[in-house]
Amino acid sequence: MAPLHIYLARHGQTAANAEGRLQGSGLNPPLNERGERQAAALAAALKNDKMDWVITSALERAIQTGNAVAKHHPGAPVLSDARLNEISWGKLDGLKARDTRPMTAPVGDAWSCGDFDAKVPGGESASECKARVMAAFADILRTARERQYRRIFLCLHGGILRVVMAALVDKDLSQMGKFSHANCSYTVIMARLDDSAPEIDPEQVPFLPNRYDIQDHLAGL
């Protein structure tokens, strides 16, 4: 099977982003005006890269961004999957990020040290988040292999992109902290799927980074 190119984008800006608020799975705002312009710019940047499938989380900001991209690829099916929703920050969702650092910083430090079960009150741990994301990717990769897709586009979230890049590319979840993604930037990773394997374990698939956190299309926005 030819290599599968996976385009990973972060959604456009929301009011919560602009206000510096923690925006986990507990917040579901739409894109703001700037976010809509960012999504349009992302869609224009990728319009000539024929997508076979467009996938988003089930949160409005990702759906709106993914739909903007999908307009340029009318033959591509569109899927929303709640397993790809942003990590939950529990009771901290919606609060100013700077005010939550006394609680979030120790959790981030714990994850960097390999304690992936750490979490804020009412929130989600890195291990819990990874489990649902890997389950989603197993289904996505299996379907892409069955349908012989060449390019797929996923619109996700900052925290989820960290999990994906650390778990799939680096094969080390403790490296989440080094992967940052601007609103509507995109990254491309490549995978060659084994046609003979009955099941696909995303963590056993070799993923190669091709392009990372591309932002050229966002100039002036």
N, C-alpha and C. Protein backbone atom coordinates (compact mmCIF):
# COMPACT_ATOMS: atom_id res chain seq x y z
N MET A 1 0.85 -1.20 0.00
CA MET A 1 0.00 0.00 0.00
C MET A 1 0.88 1.24 0.00
N ALA A 2 0.48 2.24 -0.79
CA ALA A 2 1.22 3.50 -0.83
C ALA A 2 1.15 4.18 0.53
N PRO A 3 2.12 5.02 0.85
CA PRO A 3 2.11 5.71 2.15
C PRO A 3 0.82 6.51 2.34
N LEU A 4 0.34 6.52 3.56
CA LEU A 4 -0.81 7.32 3.93
C LEU A 4 -0.32 8.64 4.50
N HIS A 5 -0.77 9.74 3.93
CA HIS A 5 -0.43 11.07 4.44
C HIS A 5 -1.57 11.54 5.34
N ILE A 6 -1.24 11.86 6.56
CA ILE A 6 -2.23 12.30 7.54
C ILE A 6 -1.98 13.76 7.87
N TYR A 7 -2.94 14.60 7.54
CA TYR A 7 -2.86 16.03 7.81
C TYR A 7 -3.54 16.29 9.15
N LEU A 8 -2.79 16.87 10.07
CA LEU A 8 -3.29 17.14 11.42
C LEU A 8 -3.35 18.64 11.63
N ALA A 9 -4.53 19.19 11.80
CA ALA A 9 -4.68 20.63 11.99
C ALA A 9 -5.35 20.93 13.32
N ARG A 10 -5.01 22.08 13.86
CA ARG A 10 -5.73 22.57 15.02
C ARG A 10 -6.85 23.48 14.53
N HIS A 11 -7.94 23.52 15.26
CA HIS A 11 -9.09 24.35 14.90
C HIS A 11 -8.74 25.84 14.93
N GLY A 12 -9.62 26.65 14.34
CA GLY A 12 -9.45 28.10 14.37
C GLY A 12 -9.74 28.69 15.74
N GLN A 13 -9.42 29.95 15.87
CA GLN A 13 -9.55 30.63 17.16
C GLN A 13 -11.01 30.79 17.59
N THR A 14 -11.23 30.71 18.89
CA THR A 14 -12.53 30.98 19.50
C THR A 14 -12.37 32.16 20.47
N ALA A 15 -13.48 32.64 20.98
CA ALA A 15 -13.41 33.72 21.97
C ALA A 15 -12.63 33.27 23.20
N ALA A 16 -12.80 32.02 23.60
CA ALA A 16 -12.07 31.51 24.76
C ALA A 16 -10.56 31.50 24.51
N ASN A 17 -10.15 31.13 23.29
CA ASN A 17 -8.73 31.20 22.93
C ASN A 17 -8.23 32.63 23.06
N ALA A 18 -8.99 33.56 22.48
CA ALA A 18 -8.57 34.96 22.47
C ALA A 18 -8.47 35.53 23.88
N GLU A 19 -9.29 35.02 24.78
CA GLU A 19 -9.30 35.51 26.17
C GLU A 19 -8.33 34.76 27.07
N GLY A 20 -7.61 33.79 26.51
CA GLY A 20 -6.63 33.05 27.30
C GLY A 20 -7.25 32.10 28.31
N ARG A 21 -8.38 31.51 27.95
CA ARG A 21 -9.06 30.59 28.87
C ARG A 21 -8.72 29.13 28.55
N LEU A 22 -8.73 28.30 29.57
CA LEU A 22 -8.59 26.86 29.35
C LEU A 22 -9.82 26.38 28.59
N GLN A 23 -9.59 25.70 27.49
CA GLN A 23 -10.70 25.30 26.63
C GLN A 23 -10.59 23.80 26.36
N GLY A 24 -11.06 23.03 27.32
CA GLY A 24 -11.05 21.59 27.16
C GLY A 24 -12.35 21.10 26.56
N SER A 25 -12.64 19.82 26.77
CA SER A 25 -13.84 19.24 26.19
C SER A 25 -15.11 19.78 26.83
N GLY A 26 -14.98 20.45 27.97
CA GLY A 26 -16.14 21.00 28.65
C GLY A 26 -16.64 22.31 28.08
N LEU A 27 -15.89 22.90 27.16
CA LEU A 27 -16.31 24.13 26.49
C LEU A 27 -16.54 23.84 25.02
N ASN A 28 -17.62 24.38 24.47
CA ASN A 28 -17.94 24.10 23.08
C ASN A 28 -18.33 25.37 22.32
N PRO A 29 -17.47 26.38 22.31
CA PRO A 29 -17.80 27.62 21.61
C PRO A 29 -17.53 27.49 20.11
N PRO A 30 -18.19 28.33 19.31
CA PRO A 30 -17.90 28.36 17.87
C PRO A 30 -16.64 29.18 17.61
N LEU A 31 -16.21 29.17 16.37
CA LEU A 31 -15.10 30.03 15.97
C LEU A 31 -15.52 31.49 16.09
N ASN A 32 -14.57 32.34 16.44
CA ASN A 32 -14.84 33.77 16.35
C ASN A 32 -14.50 34.24 14.93
N GLU A 33 -14.61 35.54 14.70
CA GLU A 33 -14.41 36.06 13.34
C GLU A 33 -13.00 35.76 12.84
N ARG A 34 -12.02 35.92 13.71
CA ARG A 34 -10.65 35.61 13.30
C ARG A 34 -10.50 34.12 13.02
N GLY A 35 -11.13 33.30 13.83
CA GLY A 35 -11.08 31.85 13.62
C GLY A 35 -11.68 31.44 12.28
N GLU A 36 -12.74 32.11 11.88
CA GLU A 36 -13.35 31.82 10.58
C GLU A 36 -12.39 32.17 9.45
N ARG A 37 -11.68 33.30 9.60
CA ARG A 37 -10.70 33.68 8.57
C ARG A 37 -9.53 32.70 8.55
N GLN A 38 -9.12 32.25 9.72
CA GLN A 38 -8.04 31.26 9.78
C GLN A 38 -8.47 29.95 9.10
N ALA A 39 -9.69 29.53 9.36
CA ALA A 39 -10.19 28.29 8.75
C ALA A 39 -10.25 28.41 7.23
N ALA A 40 -10.67 29.57 6.75
CA ALA A 40 -10.72 29.79 5.30
C ALA A 40 -9.32 29.76 4.70
N ALA A 41 -8.36 30.33 5.42
CA ALA A 41 -6.97 30.33 4.93
C ALA A 41 -6.40 28.92 4.91
N LEU A 42 -6.70 28.14 5.93
CA LEU A 42 -6.26 26.75 5.97
C LEU A 42 -6.87 25.96 4.81
N ALA A 43 -8.16 26.16 4.60
CA ALA A 43 -8.84 25.46 3.51
C ALA A 43 -8.23 25.81 2.16
N ALA A 44 -7.92 27.08 1.96
CA ALA A 44 -7.31 27.50 0.69
C ALA A 44 -5.92 26.90 0.52
N ALA A 45 -5.18 26.80 1.62
CA ALA A 45 -3.82 26.25 1.56
C ALA A 45 -3.82 24.78 1.17
N LEU A 46 -4.89 24.07 1.51
CA LEU A 46 -4.93 22.62 1.28
C LEU A 46 -5.85 22.22 0.13
N LYS A 47 -6.37 23.19 -0.60
CA LYS A 47 -7.38 22.86 -1.60
C LYS A 47 -6.84 21.99 -2.74
N ASN A 48 -5.53 22.07 -3.00
CA ASN A 48 -4.96 21.26 -4.08
C ASN A 48 -4.37 19.94 -3.60
N ASP A 49 -4.43 19.69 -2.31
CA ASP A 49 -4.00 18.40 -1.75
C ASP A 49 -5.24 17.53 -1.59
N LYS A 50 -5.51 16.72 -2.57
CA LYS A 50 -6.78 15.98 -2.61
C LYS A 50 -6.95 15.11 -1.37
N MET A 51 -7.96 15.42 -0.59
CA MET A 51 -8.26 14.67 0.63
C MET A 51 -9.29 13.58 0.33
N ASP A 52 -9.01 12.39 0.82
CA ASP A 52 -9.94 11.28 0.66
C ASP A 52 -10.95 11.19 1.80
N TRP A 53 -10.62 11.84 2.91
CA TRP A 53 -11.48 11.74 4.10
C TRP A 53 -11.20 12.94 4.98
N VAL A 54 -12.25 13.53 5.55
CA VAL A 54 -12.13 14.64 6.49
C VAL A 54 -12.73 14.20 7.81
N ILE A 55 -11.94 14.30 8.87
CA ILE A 55 -12.36 13.84 10.20
C ILE A 55 -12.18 14.97 11.19
N THR A 56 -13.12 15.14 12.09
CA THR A 56 -13.02 16.17 13.12
C THR A 56 -13.41 15.56 14.46
N SER A 57 -13.13 16.30 15.52
CA SER A 57 -13.72 15.94 16.81
C SER A 57 -15.20 16.28 16.75
N ALA A 58 -15.90 16.05 17.82
CA ALA A 58 -17.33 16.36 17.87
C ALA A 58 -17.61 17.74 18.44
N LEU A 59 -16.57 18.55 18.63
CA LEU A 59 -16.73 19.89 19.17
C LEU A 59 -16.85 20.91 18.03
N GLU A 60 -17.69 21.92 18.27
CA GLU A 60 -18.08 22.84 17.21
C GLU A 60 -16.89 23.51 16.54
N ARG A 61 -15.90 23.92 17.29
CA ARG A 61 -14.76 24.64 16.71
C ARG A 61 -14.00 23.78 15.70
N ALA A 62 -13.89 22.49 15.98
CA ALA A 62 -13.22 21.58 15.05
C ALA A 62 -14.11 21.26 13.86
N ILE A 63 -15.40 21.09 14.11
CA ILE A 63 -16.34 20.80 13.02
C ILE A 63 -16.37 21.95 12.02
N GLN A 64 -16.46 23.18 12.52
CA GLN A 64 -16.49 24.33 11.62
C GLN A 64 -15.22 24.41 10.78
N THR A 65 -14.08 24.20 11.40
CA THR A 65 -12.82 24.26 10.68
C THR A 65 -12.74 23.14 9.65
N GLY A 66 -13.11 21.93 10.06
CA GLY A 66 -13.09 20.80 9.13
C GLY A 66 -14.04 20.99 7.96
N ASN A 67 -15.20 21.56 8.21
CA ASN A 67 -16.16 21.79 7.14
C ASN A 67 -15.63 22.79 6.12
N ALA A 68 -14.87 23.78 6.61
CA ALA A 68 -14.27 24.75 5.69
C ALA A 68 -13.31 24.05 4.73
N VAL A 69 -12.53 23.12 5.26
CA VAL A 69 -11.61 22.36 4.42
C VAL A 69 -12.37 21.43 3.49
N ALA A 70 -13.40 20.77 4.01
CA ALA A 70 -14.15 19.79 3.23
C ALA A 70 -14.82 20.39 2.00
N LYS A 71 -15.13 21.68 2.03
CA LYS A 71 -15.78 22.32 0.89
C LYS A 71 -14.94 22.21 -0.38
N HIS A 72 -13.63 22.13 -0.22
CA HIS A 72 -12.74 22.03 -1.38
C HIS A 72 -12.51 20.58 -1.80
N HIS A 73 -13.12 19.64 -1.09
CA HIS A 73 -12.93 18.22 -1.39
C HIS A 73 -14.30 17.54 -1.37
N PRO A 74 -15.15 17.87 -2.35
CA PRO A 74 -16.56 17.44 -2.30
C PRO A 74 -16.75 15.93 -2.31
N GLY A 75 -15.77 15.18 -2.76
CA GLY A 75 -15.93 13.73 -2.79
C GLY A 75 -15.54 13.04 -1.50
N ALA A 76 -14.99 13.79 -0.57
CA ALA A 76 -14.48 13.19 0.67
C ALA A 76 -15.58 13.09 1.72
N PRO A 77 -15.80 11.92 2.29
CA PRO A 77 -16.76 11.82 3.40
C PRO A 77 -16.26 12.59 4.61
N VAL A 78 -17.17 13.07 5.43
CA VAL A 78 -16.83 13.83 6.63
C VAL A 78 -17.35 13.08 7.85
N LEU A 79 -16.47 12.91 8.84
CA LEU A 79 -16.82 12.18 10.05
C LEU A 79 -16.45 13.01 11.27
N SER A 80 -17.34 13.05 12.27
CA SER A 80 -17.04 13.66 13.57
C SER A 80 -16.99 12.54 14.60
N ASP A 81 -15.93 12.54 15.41
CA ASP A 81 -15.71 11.46 16.37
C ASP A 81 -15.41 12.07 17.74
N ALA A 82 -16.28 11.82 18.72
CA ALA A 82 -16.11 12.40 20.06
C ALA A 82 -14.87 11.88 20.77
N ARG A 83 -14.32 10.76 20.32
CA ARG A 83 -13.10 10.26 20.94
C ARG A 83 -11.91 11.17 20.66
N LEU A 84 -12.08 12.08 19.72
CA LEU A 84 -11.02 13.03 19.37
C LEU A 84 -11.23 14.39 20.02
N ASN A 85 -12.23 14.50 20.89
CA ASN A 85 -12.46 15.76 21.60
C ASN A 85 -11.24 16.14 22.44
N GLU A 86 -11.14 17.44 22.72
CA GLU A 86 -10.03 17.94 23.53
C GLU A 86 -10.03 17.28 24.90
N ILE A 87 -8.86 17.23 25.52
CA ILE A 87 -8.74 16.70 26.87
C ILE A 87 -9.61 17.53 27.82
N SER A 88 -10.18 16.89 28.81
CA SER A 88 -11.02 17.60 29.78
C SER A 88 -10.17 18.18 30.90
N TRP A 89 -10.43 19.44 31.20
CA TRP A 89 -9.79 20.09 32.36
C TRP A 89 -10.75 20.18 33.54
N GLY A 90 -11.84 19.42 33.48
CA GLY A 90 -12.74 19.34 34.62
C GLY A 90 -13.27 20.70 35.06
N LYS A 91 -13.16 20.96 36.34
CA LYS A 91 -13.69 22.20 36.91
C LYS A 91 -12.91 23.43 36.47
N LEU A 92 -11.77 23.23 35.83
CA LEU A 92 -10.95 24.37 35.40
C LEU A 92 -11.32 24.87 34.01
N ASP A 93 -12.09 24.08 33.27
CA ASP A 93 -12.49 24.51 31.93
C ASP A 93 -13.19 25.86 31.98
N GLY A 94 -12.74 26.77 31.14
CA GLY A 94 -13.34 28.09 31.06
C GLY A 94 -12.68 29.15 31.91
N LEU A 95 -11.80 28.74 32.82
CA LEU A 95 -11.09 29.71 33.66
C LEU A 95 -9.87 30.25 32.92
N LYS A 96 -9.41 31.43 33.33
CA LYS A 96 -8.21 31.99 32.72
C LYS A 96 -7.03 31.05 32.98
N ALA A 97 -6.30 30.75 31.93
CA ALA A 97 -5.20 29.80 32.04
C ALA A 97 -4.18 30.23 33.09
N ARG A 98 -3.91 31.53 33.15
CA ARG A 98 -2.89 32.00 34.10
C ARG A 98 -3.33 31.76 35.55
N ASP A 99 -4.64 31.77 35.78
CA ASP A 99 -5.14 31.56 37.14
C ASP A 99 -5.14 30.08 37.54
N THR A 100 -5.04 29.20 36.56
CA THR A 100 -5.10 27.77 36.86
C THR A 100 -3.71 27.13 36.93
N ARG A 101 -2.67 27.88 36.65
CA ARG A 101 -1.33 27.29 36.59
C ARG A 101 -0.90 26.58 37.88
N PRO A 102 -1.29 27.10 39.07
CA PRO A 102 -0.91 26.35 40.28
C PRO A 102 -1.45 24.92 40.30
N MET A 103 -2.52 24.67 39.55
CA MET A 103 -3.09 23.32 39.50
C MET A 103 -2.67 22.55 38.25
N THR A 104 -2.54 23.25 37.12
CA THR A 104 -2.20 22.54 35.88
C THR A 104 -0.70 22.28 35.75
N ALA A 105 0.13 23.17 36.25
CA ALA A 105 1.58 22.99 36.10
C ALA A 105 2.08 21.70 36.74
N PRO A 106 1.67 21.38 37.98
CA PRO A 106 2.13 20.12 38.56
C PRO A 106 1.68 18.89 37.77
N VAL A 107 0.50 18.96 37.18
CA VAL A 107 0.02 17.84 36.37
C VAL A 107 0.89 17.70 35.12
N GLY A 108 1.17 18.82 34.47
CA GLY A 108 2.04 18.78 33.30
C GLY A 108 3.43 18.25 33.64
N ASP A 109 3.95 18.65 34.78
CA ASP A 109 5.26 18.15 35.23
C ASP A 109 5.20 16.64 35.47
N ALA A 110 4.11 16.19 36.06
CA ALA A 110 3.96 14.75 36.32
C ALA A 110 3.94 13.96 35.01
N TRP A 111 3.21 14.47 34.01
CA TRP A 111 3.17 13.79 32.71
C TRP A 111 4.56 13.72 32.09
N SER A 112 5.31 14.81 32.21
CA SER A 112 6.66 14.83 31.64
C SER A 112 7.58 13.82 32.32
N CYS A 113 7.25 13.48 33.56
CA CYS A 113 8.05 12.51 34.33
C CYS A 113 7.50 11.09 34.23
N GLY A 114 6.46 10.90 33.43
CA GLY A 114 5.93 9.56 33.22
C GLY A 114 4.74 9.17 34.07
N ASP A 115 4.24 10.09 34.89
CA ASP A 115 3.04 9.80 35.69
C ASP A 115 1.82 10.24 34.90
N PHE A 116 1.36 9.37 34.03
CA PHE A 116 0.29 9.74 33.11
C PHE A 116 -1.10 9.62 33.72
N ASP A 117 -1.19 9.19 34.97
CA ASP A 117 -2.48 9.11 35.65
C ASP A 117 -2.82 10.38 36.42
N ALA A 118 -1.88 11.31 36.48
CA ALA A 118 -2.14 12.58 37.17
C ALA A 118 -3.20 13.38 36.43
N LYS A 119 -4.03 14.11 37.18
CA LYS A 119 -5.05 14.94 36.55
C LYS A 119 -5.53 15.99 37.53
N VAL A 120 -6.16 17.04 36.98
CA VAL A 120 -6.74 18.08 37.82
C VAL A 120 -8.09 17.58 38.32
N PRO A 121 -8.67 18.22 39.36
CA PRO A 121 -9.96 17.77 39.88
C PRO A 121 -11.05 17.72 38.81
N GLY A 122 -11.64 16.55 38.66
CA GLY A 122 -12.72 16.38 37.69
C GLY A 122 -12.26 16.29 36.26
N GLY A 123 -10.95 16.34 36.04
CA GLY A 123 -10.42 16.34 34.69
C GLY A 123 -10.02 14.96 34.20
N GLU A 124 -9.28 14.95 33.13
CA GLU A 124 -8.88 13.72 32.46
C GLU A 124 -7.37 13.57 32.54
N SER A 125 -6.92 12.37 32.75
CA SER A 125 -5.48 12.11 32.79
C SER A 125 -4.95 11.91 31.37
N ALA A 126 -3.64 11.99 31.24
CA ALA A 126 -3.02 11.75 29.93
C ALA A 126 -3.28 10.33 29.46
N SER A 127 -3.25 9.37 30.38
CA SER A 127 -3.48 7.98 29.99
C SER A 127 -4.92 7.76 29.54
N GLU A 128 -5.88 8.39 30.20
CA GLU A 128 -7.28 8.27 29.79
C GLU A 128 -7.49 8.89 28.41
N CYS A 129 -6.89 10.05 28.21
CA CYS A 129 -7.02 10.73 26.93
C CYS A 129 -6.39 9.91 25.82
N LYS A 130 -5.19 9.42 26.08
CA LYS A 130 -4.48 8.61 25.07
C LYS A 130 -5.29 7.38 24.68
N ALA A 131 -5.92 6.72 25.65
CA ALA A 131 -6.66 5.48 25.36
C ALA A 131 -7.76 5.72 24.34
N ARG A 132 -8.53 6.79 24.52
CA ARG A 132 -9.64 7.04 23.58
C ARG A 132 -9.12 7.50 22.22
N VAL A 133 -8.05 8.30 22.22
CA VAL A 133 -7.49 8.78 20.96
C VAL A 133 -6.89 7.63 20.16
N MET A 134 -6.17 6.73 20.82
CA MET A 134 -5.59 5.58 20.12
C MET A 134 -6.68 4.66 19.59
N ALA A 135 -7.78 4.50 20.33
CA ALA A 135 -8.89 3.69 19.83
C ALA A 135 -9.47 4.30 18.56
N ALA A 136 -9.61 5.62 18.55
CA ALA A 136 -10.10 6.30 17.36
C ALA A 136 -9.14 6.12 16.19
N PHE A 137 -7.85 6.26 16.46
CA PHE A 137 -6.86 6.13 15.38
C PHE A 137 -6.80 4.71 14.84
N ALA A 138 -7.01 3.72 15.69
CA ALA A 138 -7.03 2.34 15.20
C ALA A 138 -8.15 2.16 14.17
N ASP A 139 -9.32 2.72 14.46
CA ASP A 139 -10.44 2.63 13.53
C ASP A 139 -10.16 3.44 12.27
N ILE A 140 -9.59 4.62 12.43
CA ILE A 140 -9.29 5.48 11.29
C ILE A 140 -8.29 4.81 10.35
N LEU A 141 -7.22 4.27 10.91
CA LEU A 141 -6.20 3.64 10.08
C LEU A 141 -6.72 2.38 9.40
N ARG A 142 -7.54 1.61 10.10
CA ARG A 142 -8.11 0.41 9.49
C ARG A 142 -9.00 0.77 8.31
N THR A 143 -9.83 1.79 8.49
CA THR A 143 -10.72 2.22 7.40
C THR A 143 -9.92 2.78 6.24
N ALA A 144 -8.90 3.58 6.54
CA ALA A 144 -8.06 4.15 5.48
C ALA A 144 -7.38 3.05 4.68
N ARG A 145 -6.94 2.00 5.36
CA ARG A 145 -6.31 0.88 4.66
C ARG A 145 -7.32 0.13 3.79
N GLU A 146 -8.50 -0.13 4.34
CA GLU A 146 -9.52 -0.85 3.59
C GLU A 146 -9.94 -0.09 2.33
N ARG A 147 -10.04 1.22 2.44
CA ARG A 147 -10.50 2.04 1.32
C ARG A 147 -9.36 2.55 0.46
N GLN A 148 -8.13 2.20 0.83
CA GLN A 148 -6.93 2.60 0.09
C GLN A 148 -6.83 4.12 -0.07
N TYR A 149 -7.11 4.81 1.02
CA TYR A 149 -6.97 6.26 1.01
C TYR A 149 -5.50 6.64 0.97
N ARG A 150 -5.22 7.77 0.34
CA ARG A 150 -3.85 8.29 0.26
C ARG A 150 -3.63 9.49 1.18
N ARG A 151 -4.67 10.32 1.32
CA ARG A 151 -4.57 11.51 2.18
C ARG A 151 -5.84 11.64 3.02
N ILE A 152 -5.66 11.87 4.32
CA ILE A 152 -6.80 12.15 5.19
C ILE A 152 -6.48 13.39 6.02
N PHE A 153 -7.52 14.14 6.33
CA PHE A 153 -7.37 15.38 7.09
C PHE A 153 -8.11 15.25 8.41
N LEU A 154 -7.44 15.59 9.50
CA LEU A 154 -8.06 15.58 10.82
C LEU A 154 -7.97 16.97 11.44
N CYS A 155 -9.10 17.50 11.88
CA CYS A 155 -9.10 18.76 12.62
C CYS A 155 -9.30 18.45 14.10
N LEU A 156 -8.28 18.78 14.89
CA LEU A 156 -8.26 18.39 16.29
C LEU A 156 -8.01 19.60 17.19
N HIS A 157 -7.42 19.35 18.34
CA HIS A 157 -7.23 20.36 19.38
C HIS A 157 -5.78 20.34 19.86
N GLY A 158 -5.37 21.44 20.49
CA GLY A 158 -3.99 21.56 20.91
C GLY A 158 -3.52 20.42 21.79
N GLY A 159 -4.31 20.07 22.80
CA GLY A 159 -3.93 18.99 23.70
C GLY A 159 -3.92 17.64 23.02
N ILE A 160 -4.91 17.40 22.17
CA ILE A 160 -4.99 16.12 21.46
C ILE A 160 -3.85 15.98 20.47
N LEU A 161 -3.48 17.07 19.82
CA LEU A 161 -2.35 17.01 18.89
C LEU A 161 -1.06 16.68 19.62
N ARG A 162 -0.91 17.17 20.83
CA ARG A 162 0.26 16.81 21.63
C ARG A 162 0.29 15.30 21.90
N VAL A 163 -0.87 14.75 22.25
CA VAL A 163 -0.96 13.32 22.51
C VAL A 163 -0.63 12.52 21.25
N VAL A 164 -1.21 12.93 20.13
CA VAL A 164 -0.99 12.22 18.87
C VAL A 164 0.49 12.23 18.48
N MET A 165 1.09 13.40 18.51
CA MET A 165 2.49 13.50 18.09
C MET A 165 3.42 12.75 19.03
N ALA A 166 3.17 12.86 20.33
CA ALA A 166 4.04 12.18 21.29
C ALA A 166 3.88 10.66 21.21
N ALA A 167 2.63 10.20 21.16
CA ALA A 167 2.37 8.76 21.19
C ALA A 167 2.68 8.08 19.86
N LEU A 168 2.38 8.73 18.75
CA LEU A 168 2.54 8.08 17.45
C LEU A 168 3.88 8.35 16.80
N VAL A 169 4.37 9.56 16.88
CA VAL A 169 5.63 9.90 16.20
C VAL A 169 6.82 9.64 17.10
N ASP A 170 6.79 10.19 18.31
CA ASP A 170 7.91 9.98 19.25
C ASP A 170 7.84 8.65 19.99
N LYS A 171 6.64 8.04 20.03
CA LYS A 171 6.42 6.80 20.78
C LYS A 171 6.75 6.99 22.26
N ASP A 172 6.51 8.20 22.76
CA ASP A 172 6.84 8.52 24.16
C ASP A 172 5.90 9.62 24.63
N LEU A 173 4.88 9.25 25.38
CA LEU A 173 3.86 10.22 25.80
C LEU A 173 4.43 11.32 26.67
N SER A 174 5.54 11.07 27.33
CA SER A 174 6.13 12.10 28.19
C SER A 174 6.64 13.29 27.40
N GLN A 175 6.70 13.18 26.07
CA GLN A 175 7.19 14.26 25.22
C GLN A 175 6.08 15.20 24.76
N MET A 176 4.89 15.06 25.30
CA MET A 176 3.76 15.91 24.89
C MET A 176 4.09 17.39 24.92
N GLY A 177 4.83 17.79 25.94
CA GLY A 177 5.07 19.21 26.14
C GLY A 177 5.84 19.90 25.04
N LYS A 178 6.54 19.15 24.22
CA LYS A 178 7.37 19.79 23.19
C LYS A 178 6.61 20.08 21.90
N PHE A 179 5.37 19.59 21.80
CA PHE A 179 4.61 19.77 20.57
C PHE A 179 3.55 20.85 20.75
N SER A 180 3.73 21.98 20.10
CA SER A 180 2.73 23.05 20.15
C SER A 180 2.20 23.30 18.75
N HIS A 181 0.97 23.74 18.67
CA HIS A 181 0.33 23.99 17.38
C HIS A 181 -0.51 25.27 17.48
N ALA A 182 -0.27 26.20 16.59
CA ALA A 182 -1.06 27.43 16.55
C ALA A 182 -2.45 27.12 15.98
N ASN A 183 -3.40 28.00 16.25
CA ASN A 183 -4.73 27.83 15.67
C ASN A 183 -4.63 27.78 14.15
N CYS A 184 -5.17 26.72 13.56
CA CYS A 184 -5.22 26.50 12.11
C CYS A 184 -3.85 26.29 11.46
N SER A 185 -2.83 25.99 12.26
CA SER A 185 -1.61 25.47 11.67
C SER A 185 -1.86 23.99 11.36
N TYR A 186 -0.97 23.40 10.56
CA TYR A 186 -1.14 21.98 10.28
C TYR A 186 0.21 21.27 10.21
N THR A 187 0.15 19.99 10.48
CA THR A 187 1.30 19.10 10.47
C THR A 187 0.95 17.92 9.57
N VAL A 188 1.93 17.40 8.87
CA VAL A 188 1.71 16.21 8.03
C VAL A 188 2.63 15.09 8.51
N ILE A 189 2.04 13.93 8.78
CA ILE A 189 2.82 12.75 9.11
C ILE A 189 2.48 11.65 8.10
N MET A 190 3.41 10.74 7.92
CA MET A 190 3.23 9.67 6.94
C MET A 190 3.31 8.31 7.61
N ALA A 191 2.52 7.38 7.11
CA ALA A 191 2.54 6.02 7.64
C ALA A 191 2.41 5.03 6.48
N ARG A 192 3.13 3.94 6.59
CA ARG A 192 2.97 2.84 5.64
C ARG A 192 2.32 1.68 6.40
N LEU A 193 1.10 1.38 6.04
CA LEU A 193 0.33 0.38 6.78
C LEU A 193 0.56 -1.02 6.23
N ASP A 194 0.66 -1.97 7.12
CA ASP A 194 0.89 -3.37 6.76
C ASP A 194 -0.41 -4.00 6.29
N ASP A 195 -0.47 -4.37 5.02
CA ASP A 195 -1.70 -4.95 4.47
C ASP A 195 -2.00 -6.33 5.05
N SER A 196 -1.00 -7.00 5.58
CA SER A 196 -1.19 -8.37 6.04
C SER A 196 -1.68 -8.48 7.48
N ALA A 197 -1.54 -7.39 8.24
CA ALA A 197 -1.92 -7.43 9.66
C ALA A 197 -3.44 -7.35 9.79
N PRO A 198 -4.08 -8.29 10.51
CA PRO A 198 -5.54 -8.25 10.64
C PRO A 198 -6.04 -7.05 11.43
N GLU A 199 -5.27 -6.63 12.43
CA GLU A 199 -5.63 -5.48 13.24
C GLU A 199 -4.49 -4.45 13.17
N ILE A 200 -4.81 -3.22 13.51
CA ILE A 200 -3.80 -2.16 13.49
C ILE A 200 -3.69 -1.57 14.89
N ASP A 201 -2.49 -1.61 15.42
CA ASP A 201 -2.18 -0.93 16.68
C ASP A 201 -1.43 0.34 16.32
N PRO A 202 -2.06 1.51 16.47
CA PRO A 202 -1.40 2.75 16.05
C PRO A 202 -0.02 2.95 16.65
N GLU A 203 0.18 2.47 17.87
CA GLU A 203 1.46 2.69 18.52
C GLU A 203 2.57 1.82 17.95
N GLN A 204 2.21 0.81 17.16
CA GLN A 204 3.20 -0.05 16.53
C GLN A 204 3.48 0.35 15.08
N VAL A 205 2.71 1.28 14.57
CA VAL A 205 2.91 1.75 13.19
C VAL A 205 4.00 2.81 13.17
N PRO A 206 4.99 2.69 12.27
CA PRO A 206 6.00 3.75 12.17
C PRO A 206 5.43 4.98 11.46
N PHE A 207 5.42 6.09 12.16
CA PHE A 207 4.96 7.35 11.58
C PHE A 207 6.17 8.26 11.38
N LEU A 208 6.26 8.86 10.21
CA LEU A 208 7.35 9.77 9.91
C LEU A 208 6.82 11.18 9.77
N PRO A 209 7.39 12.15 10.50
CA PRO A 209 6.97 13.54 10.32
C PRO A 209 7.41 14.05 8.97
N ASN A 210 6.53 14.72 8.28
CA ASN A 210 6.82 15.26 6.95
C ASN A 210 6.91 16.77 6.99
N ARG A 211 5.90 17.39 7.58
CA ARG A 211 5.90 18.85 7.80
C ARG A 211 5.28 19.10 9.17
N TYR A 212 5.81 20.10 9.89
CA TYR A 212 5.34 20.32 11.26
C TYR A 212 4.92 21.76 11.49
N ASP A 213 3.72 21.93 12.06
CA ASP A 213 3.21 23.23 12.50
C ASP A 213 3.36 24.29 11.42
N ILE A 214 2.87 24.01 10.23
CA ILE A 214 2.95 24.95 9.11
C ILE A 214 1.98 26.10 9.35
N GLN A 215 2.51 27.33 9.25
CA GLN A 215 1.70 28.52 9.53
C GLN A 215 1.78 29.57 8.44
N ASP A 216 2.46 29.27 7.33
CA ASP A 216 2.66 30.28 6.29
C ASP A 216 1.35 30.88 5.80
N HIS A 217 0.32 30.07 5.72
CA HIS A 217 -0.97 30.52 5.20
C HIS A 217 -1.69 31.47 6.15
N LEU A 218 -1.18 31.59 7.37
CA LEU A 218 -1.83 32.43 8.38
C LEU A 218 -1.21 33.82 8.48
N ALA A 219 -0.26 34.12 7.63
CA ALA A 219 0.41 35.43 7.69
C ALA A 219 -0.61 36.56 7.56
N GLY A 220 -0.55 37.51 8.46
CA GLY A 220 -1.44 38.65 8.44
C GLY A 220 -2.77 38.43 9.13
N LEU A 221 -3.01 37.22 9.62
CA LEU A 221 -4.28 36.92 10.30
C LEU A 221 -4.13 36.95 11.81
